[in-house]
Amino acid sequence: MTDDIHIRVADALPDADLDAIGRLLPQLSSTATFDRGRVEAMLEHDGTDLIVAREDGRIVGMATLVSFPLPTGVRGHLDDVVVDSQLRGRGIARLLLEAVIVLARERGLRTLDLTSRPSRESAIRLYESVGFTRRDSVPMRYSGDLTR
């Protein structure tokens, strides 16, 4: 089912790949917007890896691993996991998650965290099936204006 899917860390993205990411982002979130410069800056950032799933050379899914050193150890956060809606249910997201976990181990991360909306029940079951566990924590986001 997933034999024709190839998972790799992206180091550069030609225009066709950037277009594919632009198509995936709205499937991730209704508020996600594509910004070519932001994606290119992300690729150049030492602590950020874009992991892509390709079928026939075309990007059909992605995940982002952010690694950062803290006094308590090098930590990781998994973000922006999305697979093209027409290809869901084929195990592509699982392949992406497994690749991120391998990369986190290779990087010597002490922890790997993610957040998911409670309404995303099938995604949460998938995350749990590859080893993520629910934690007693309260996710919070600063709601003030960070642009000033």
C-alpha atoms as a PDB file:
ATOM      1  CA  MET A   1       0.000   0.000   0.000  1.00  0.00           C
ATOM      2  CA  THR A   2       2.852   2.395   0.800  1.00  0.00           C
ATOM      3  CA  ASP A   3       5.605   0.698  -1.232  1.00  0.00           C
ATOM      4  CA  ASP A   4       5.539   3.550  -3.721  1.00  0.00           C
ATOM      5  CA  ILE A   5       5.879   6.229  -1.005  1.00  0.00           C
ATOM      6  CA  HIS A   6       9.338   7.627  -0.268  1.00  0.00           C
ATOM      7  CA  ILE A   7      10.077   9.638   2.870  1.00  0.00           C
ATOM      8  CA  ARG A   8      13.004  12.065   2.969  1.00  0.00           C
ATOM      9  CA  VAL A   9      14.182  15.200   4.740  1.00  0.00           C
ATOM     10  CA  ALA A  10      13.896  18.047   2.224  1.00  0.00           C
ATOM     11  CA  ASP A  11      17.010  20.140   1.765  1.00  0.00           C
ATOM     12  CA  ALA A  12      15.796  22.169  -1.200  1.00  0.00           C
ATOM     13  CA  LEU A  13      12.420  22.534  -2.856  1.00  0.00           C
ATOM     14  CA  PRO A  14      11.937  23.309  -6.543  1.00  0.00           C
ATOM     15  CA  ASP A  15       8.878  25.265  -7.632  1.00  0.00           C
ATOM     16  CA  ALA A  16       6.712  22.136  -8.099  1.00  0.00           C
ATOM     17  CA  ASP A  17       7.441  21.082  -4.502  1.00  0.00           C
ATOM     18  CA  LEU A  18       6.645  24.531  -3.170  1.00  0.00           C
ATOM     19  CA  ASP A  19       3.362  24.427  -5.100  1.00  0.00           C
ATOM     20  CA  ALA A  20       2.571  21.046  -3.506  1.00  0.00           C
ATOM     21  CA  ILE A  21       3.191  22.473  -0.034  1.00  0.00           C
ATOM     22  CA  GLY A  22       0.941  25.380  -0.934  1.00  0.00           C
ATOM     23  CA  ARG A  23      -1.816  22.844  -1.733  1.00  0.00           C
ATOM     24  CA  LEU A  24      -1.257  20.858   1.477  1.00  0.00           C
ATOM     25  CA  LEU A  25      -1.336  23.755   3.928  1.00  0.00           C
ATOM     26  CA  PRO A  26      -5.079  24.551   3.585  1.00  0.00           C
ATOM     27  CA  GLN A  27      -5.762  20.848   4.232  1.00  0.00           C
ATOM     28  CA  LEU A  28      -3.842  21.191   7.497  1.00  0.00           C
ATOM     29  CA  SER A  29      -5.654  24.270   8.751  1.00  0.00           C
ATOM     30  CA  SER A  30      -8.192  26.705   7.385  1.00  0.00           C
ATOM     31  CA  THR A  31      -6.008  29.556   8.666  1.00  0.00           C
ATOM     32  CA  ALA A  32      -2.698  28.263   7.268  1.00  0.00           C
ATOM     33  CA  THR A  33      -1.248  30.455   4.550  1.00  0.00           C
ATOM     34  CA  PHE A  34       1.585  29.658   2.189  1.00  0.00           C
ATOM     35  CA  ASP A  35       4.609  31.929   2.167  1.00  0.00           C
ATOM     36  CA  ARG A  36       7.441  30.854  -0.125  1.00  0.00           C
ATOM     37  CA  GLY A  37      10.039  32.889   1.775  1.00  0.00           C
ATOM     38  CA  ARG A  38       8.976  31.393   5.098  1.00  0.00           C
ATOM     39  CA  VAL A  39       9.291  27.845   3.739  1.00  0.00           C
ATOM     40  CA  GLU A  40      12.699  28.593   2.242  1.00  0.00           C
ATOM     41  CA  ALA A  41      13.872  30.159   5.534  1.00  0.00           C
ATOM     42  CA  MET A  42      12.632  27.073   7.363  1.00  0.00           C
ATOM     43  CA  LEU A  43      14.747  24.837   5.126  1.00  0.00           C
ATOM     44  CA  GLU A  44      17.825  26.913   5.954  1.00  0.00           C
ATOM     45  CA  HIS A  45      17.163  26.906   9.712  1.00  0.00           C
ATOM     46  CA  ASP A  46      19.449  24.459  11.545  1.00  0.00           C
ATOM     47  CA  GLY A  47      16.826  23.422  14.090  1.00  0.00           C
ATOM     48  CA  THR A  48      14.003  22.719  11.645  1.00  0.00           C
ATOM     49  CA  ASP A  49      13.551  19.751   9.320  1.00  0.00           C
ATOM     50  CA  LEU A  50      10.808  19.347   6.742  1.00  0.00           C
ATOM     51  CA  ILE A  51      10.104  15.678   6.172  1.00  0.00           C
ATOM     52  CA  VAL A  52       8.222  14.992   2.948  1.00  0.00           C
ATOM     53  CA  ALA A  53       6.385  11.990   1.564  1.00  0.00           C
ATOM     54  CA  ARG A  54       6.614  11.555  -2.191  1.00  0.00           C
ATOM     55  CA  GLU A  55       4.649   9.413  -4.590  1.00  0.00           C
ATOM     56  CA  ASP A  56       5.938   9.322  -8.154  1.00  0.00           C
ATOM     57  CA  GLY A  57       8.255  12.205  -7.247  1.00  0.00           C
ATOM     58  CA  ARG A  58       5.388  14.448  -6.113  1.00  0.00           C
ATOM     59  CA  ILE A  59       4.999  15.640  -2.510  1.00  0.00           C
ATOM     60  CA  VAL A  60       1.827  14.108  -1.042  1.00  0.00           C
ATOM     61  CA  GLY A  61       2.484  14.668   2.662  1.00  0.00           C
ATOM     62  CA  MET A  62       4.743  16.444   5.102  1.00  0.00           C
ATOM     63  CA  ALA A  63       5.714  16.882   8.733  1.00  0.00           C
ATOM     64  CA  THR A  64       7.999  19.355  10.487  1.00  0.00           C
ATOM     65  CA  LEU A  65      10.455  18.484  13.251  1.00  0.00           C
ATOM     66  CA  VAL A  66      11.737  21.392  15.327  1.00  0.00           C
ATOM     67  CA  SER A  67      14.709  20.659  17.607  1.00  0.00           C
ATOM     68  CA  PHE A  68      15.969  23.049  20.264  1.00  0.00           C
ATOM     69  CA  PRO A  69      18.438  22.902  23.127  1.00  0.00           C
ATOM     70  CA  LEU A  70      17.210  23.708  26.630  1.00  0.00           C
ATOM     71  CA  PRO A  71      18.977  23.489  29.985  1.00  0.00           C
ATOM     72  CA  THR A  72      17.148  20.182  30.519  1.00  0.00           C
ATOM     73  CA  GLY A  73      18.242  18.654  27.204  1.00  0.00           C
ATOM     74  CA  VAL A  74      17.611  18.849  23.499  1.00  0.00           C
ATOM     75  CA  ARG A  75      13.876  18.709  22.907  1.00  0.00           C
ATOM     76  CA  GLY A  76      11.806  18.229  19.799  1.00  0.00           C
ATOM     77  CA  HIS A  77       8.378  19.274  18.649  1.00  0.00           C
ATOM     78  CA  LEU A  78       6.440  17.713  15.779  1.00  0.00           C
ATOM     79  CA  ASP A  79       4.241  20.107  13.818  1.00  0.00           C
ATOM     80  CA  ASP A  80       2.309  20.464  10.580  1.00  0.00           C
ATOM     81  CA  VAL A  81       1.650  16.793   9.866  1.00  0.00           C
ATOM     82  CA  VAL A  82      -0.569  16.570   6.801  1.00  0.00           C
ATOM     83  CA  VAL A  83      -1.270  14.133   3.983  1.00  0.00           C
ATOM     84  CA  ASP A  84      -3.162  15.019   0.829  1.00  0.00           C
ATOM     85  CA  SER A  85      -6.848  14.366   1.540  1.00  0.00           C
ATOM     86  CA  GLN A  86      -7.196  12.162  -1.560  1.00  0.00           C
ATOM     87  CA  LEU A  87      -4.460   9.815  -0.291  1.00  0.00           C
ATOM     88  CA  ARG A  88      -5.381   9.481   3.372  1.00  0.00           C
ATOM     89  CA  GLY A  89      -5.882   6.019   4.798  1.00  0.00           C
ATOM     90  CA  ARG A  90      -2.910   4.510   2.955  1.00  0.00           C
ATOM     91  CA  GLY A  91      -0.404   4.680   5.831  1.00  0.00           C
ATOM     92  CA  ILE A  92       1.476   7.756   4.603  1.00  0.00           C
ATOM     93  CA  ALA A  93       1.060   9.664   7.866  1.00  0.00           C
ATOM     94  CA  ARG A  94       2.389   6.644   9.782  1.00  0.00           C
ATOM     95  CA  LEU A  95       5.473   6.573   7.532  1.00  0.00           C
ATOM     96  CA  LEU A  96       6.033  10.279   8.167  1.00  0.00           C
ATOM     97  CA  LEU A  97       5.699   9.825  11.937  1.00  0.00           C
ATOM     98  CA  GLU A  98       8.045   6.835  11.964  1.00  0.00           C
ATOM     99  CA  ALA A  99      10.627   8.809   9.973  1.00  0.00           C
ATOM    100  CA  VAL A 100      10.385  11.730  12.406  1.00  0.00           C
ATOM    101  CA  ILE A 101      10.890   9.368  15.357  1.00  0.00           C
ATOM    102  CA  VAL A 102      13.994   7.863  13.723  1.00  0.00           C
ATOM    103  CA  LEU A 103      15.349  11.351  13.048  1.00  0.00           C
ATOM    104  CA  ALA A 104      14.659  12.404  16.646  1.00  0.00           C
ATOM    105  CA  ARG A 105      16.607   9.380  17.894  1.00  0.00           C
ATOM    106  CA  GLU A 106      19.489  10.114  15.520  1.00  0.00           C
ATOM    107  CA  ARG A 107      19.582  13.696  16.796  1.00  0.00           C
ATOM    108  CA  GLY A 108      19.659  12.538  20.415  1.00  0.00           C
ATOM    109  CA  LEU A 109      16.473  14.354  21.397  1.00  0.00           C
ATOM    110  CA  ARG A 110      15.427  13.861  25.002  1.00  0.00           C
ATOM    111  CA  THR A 111      11.719  14.288  24.206  1.00  0.00           C
ATOM    112  CA  LEU A 112       9.471  14.604  21.188  1.00  0.00           C
ATOM    113  CA  ASP A 113       6.145  16.379  21.707  1.00  0.00           C
ATOM    114  CA  LEU A 114       3.156  17.308  19.597  1.00  0.00           C
ATOM    115  CA  THR A 115      -0.251  18.822  20.136  1.00  0.00           C
ATOM    116  CA  SER A 116      -3.498  17.909  18.441  1.00  0.00           C
ATOM    117  CA  ARG A 117      -7.033  19.212  18.691  1.00  0.00           C
ATOM    118  CA  PRO A 118      -9.277  16.796  20.631  1.00  0.00           C
ATOM    119  CA  SER A 119     -11.665  16.677  17.658  1.00  0.00           C
ATOM    120  CA  ARG A 120      -8.965  14.991  15.537  1.00  0.00           C
ATOM    121  CA  GLU A 121      -9.738  11.577  17.044  1.00  0.00           C
ATOM    122  CA  SER A 122      -8.307   9.461  14.207  1.00  0.00           C
ATOM    123  CA  ALA A 123      -5.070  11.471  14.192  1.00  0.00           C
ATOM    124  CA  ILE A 124      -4.769  11.053  17.959  1.00  0.00           C
ATOM    125  CA  ARG A 125      -5.241   7.278  17.617  1.00  0.00           C
ATOM    126  CA  LEU A 126      -2.499   7.241  14.983  1.00  0.00           C
ATOM    127  CA  TYR A 127      -0.145   9.251  17.200  1.00  0.00           C
ATOM    128  CA  GLU A 128      -0.793   6.862  20.080  1.00  0.00           C
ATOM    129  CA  SER A 129      -0.229   3.824  17.852  1.00  0.00           C
ATOM    130  CA  VAL A 130       3.341   4.952  17.078  1.00  0.00           C
ATOM    131  CA  GLY A 131       4.194   5.662  20.717  1.00  0.00           C
ATOM    132  CA  PHE A 132       2.944   9.123  21.657  1.00  0.00           C
ATOM    133  CA  THR A 133       1.065   9.310  24.958  1.00  0.00           C
ATOM    134  CA  ARG A 134      -1.367  11.854  26.325  1.00  0.00           C
ATOM    135  CA  ARG A 135       0.031  14.159  28.977  1.00  0.00           C
ATOM    136  CA  ASP A 136      -1.560  16.104  31.786  1.00  0.00           C
ATOM    137  CA  SER A 137      -0.766  19.578  30.583  1.00  0.00           C
ATOM    138  CA  VAL A 138      -2.643  22.649  29.532  1.00  0.00           C
ATOM    139  CA  PRO A 139      -1.636  23.917  26.104  1.00  0.00           C
ATOM    140  CA  MET A 140      -1.489  27.683  26.112  1.00  0.00           C
ATOM    141  CA  ARG A 141      -0.788  30.294  23.478  1.00  0.00           C
ATOM    142  CA  TYR A 142      -0.029  33.954  24.026  1.00  0.00           C
ATOM    143  CA  SER A 143      -2.983  35.899  22.660  1.00  0.00           C
ATOM    144  CA  GLY A 144      -1.374  39.334  22.634  1.00  0.00           C
ATOM    145  CA  ASP A 145       0.097  41.051  19.624  1.00  0.00           C
ATOM    146  CA  LEU A 146       3.625  39.779  18.961  1.00  0.00           C
ATOM    147  CA  THR A 147       4.102  42.061  15.962  1.00  0.00           C
ATOM    148  CA  ARG A 148       4.618  45.254  17.935  1.00  0.00           C
END
